[in-house]
Structure formats: C-alpha cells, structure tokens
Amino acid sequence: MATLKIQKVRSTIKSPKNQKLVMEALGLRKMNAVVEHEDTPQIRGMVEKVKHLVKVID
C-alpha cells in the first residue's frame, strides 16, 4: 500500500485542543519532524483536519 510522508511546518501553540490531539496521534511532536503513514482514509482525514499545520511530501 502507498505511504504518505507528513511534515510538521507550523506550531500548534495557539491551535484548538482537538488539532493538538490529531498532531500527537500522527506522531508529529517537534517542528520539521517527518513521519510516514500508510495512505488510508483515516490518515487522510486526520491530515485534512490539520492541513494548515502540515505538509504532505510526495
């Protein structure tokens, strides 16, 4: 199955709690951290919730 590389590009300091929880669930804790997840509808939905804080790398 295909994978997504997701990079944290903005801070979550003033973000709502639910967005902070999504970032933690994705495994993004530090700035410019990159994580790799399988390309599933659940992960796509999580990325959609925090699309202004992350960048999807091809």
Protein backbone atom coordinates (compact mmCIF):
# COMPACT_ATOMS: atom_id res chain seq x y z
CA MET A 1 0.00 0.00 0.00
CA ALA A 2 1.15 3.55 -0.69
CA THR A 3 2.60 5.69 2.07
CA LEU A 4 2.34 9.37 2.96
CA LYS A 5 5.22 11.41 4.35
CA ILE A 6 3.84 14.17 6.56
CA GLN A 7 5.97 17.06 7.84
CA LYS A 8 5.04 19.47 10.64
CA VAL A 9 5.64 23.01 9.37
CA ARG A 10 3.73 25.20 11.86
CA SER A 11 3.43 25.29 15.62
CA THR A 12 0.37 24.09 17.50
CA ILE A 13 0.71 26.59 20.37
CA LYS A 14 -2.50 28.54 19.65
CA SER A 15 -4.35 25.69 17.98
CA PRO A 16 -7.53 24.17 19.43
CA LYS A 17 -7.14 21.10 21.61
CA ASN A 18 -8.60 18.73 19.02
CA GLN A 19 -5.97 19.79 16.47
CA LYS A 20 -3.20 19.29 19.02
CA LEU A 21 -4.52 15.80 19.70
CA VAL A 22 -4.57 14.99 15.97
CA MET A 23 -0.94 16.11 15.64
CA GLU A 24 0.03 13.89 18.59
CA ALA A 25 -1.87 10.96 17.08
CA LEU A 26 0.01 11.43 13.81
CA GLY A 27 3.28 11.34 15.76
CA LEU A 28 4.25 14.94 15.00
CA ARG A 29 5.80 16.49 18.09
CA LYS A 30 8.74 18.65 17.01
CA MET A 31 8.97 21.24 14.27
CA ASN A 32 10.03 19.90 10.85
CA ALA A 33 9.52 16.33 12.05
CA VAL A 34 8.62 13.88 9.29
CA VAL A 35 6.51 10.77 9.83
CA GLU A 36 5.43 8.10 7.39
CA HIS A 37 1.96 6.52 7.47
CA GLU A 38 0.03 4.25 5.15
CA ASP A 39 -2.32 6.09 2.82
CA THR A 40 -5.69 5.22 4.38
CA PRO A 41 -8.92 7.25 4.56
CA GLN A 42 -8.43 7.66 8.32
CA ILE A 43 -4.98 9.21 7.92
CA ARG A 44 -6.21 11.40 5.04
CA GLY A 45 -9.00 12.68 7.30
CA MET A 46 -6.53 13.49 10.07
CA VAL A 47 -4.30 15.37 7.64
CA GLU A 48 -7.34 17.29 6.36
CA LYS A 49 -8.09 18.49 9.93
CA VAL A 50 -4.62 19.99 10.32
CA LYS A 51 -3.74 20.81 6.71
CA HIS A 52 -2.68 24.34 7.69
CA LEU A 53 -0.06 22.91 10.10
CA VAL A 54 1.45 20.14 7.98
CA LYS A 55 2.85 19.49 4.53
CA VAL A 56 2.45 16.21 2.65
CA ILE A 57 5.70 15.24 0.95
CA ASP A 58 5.47 13.09 -2.20
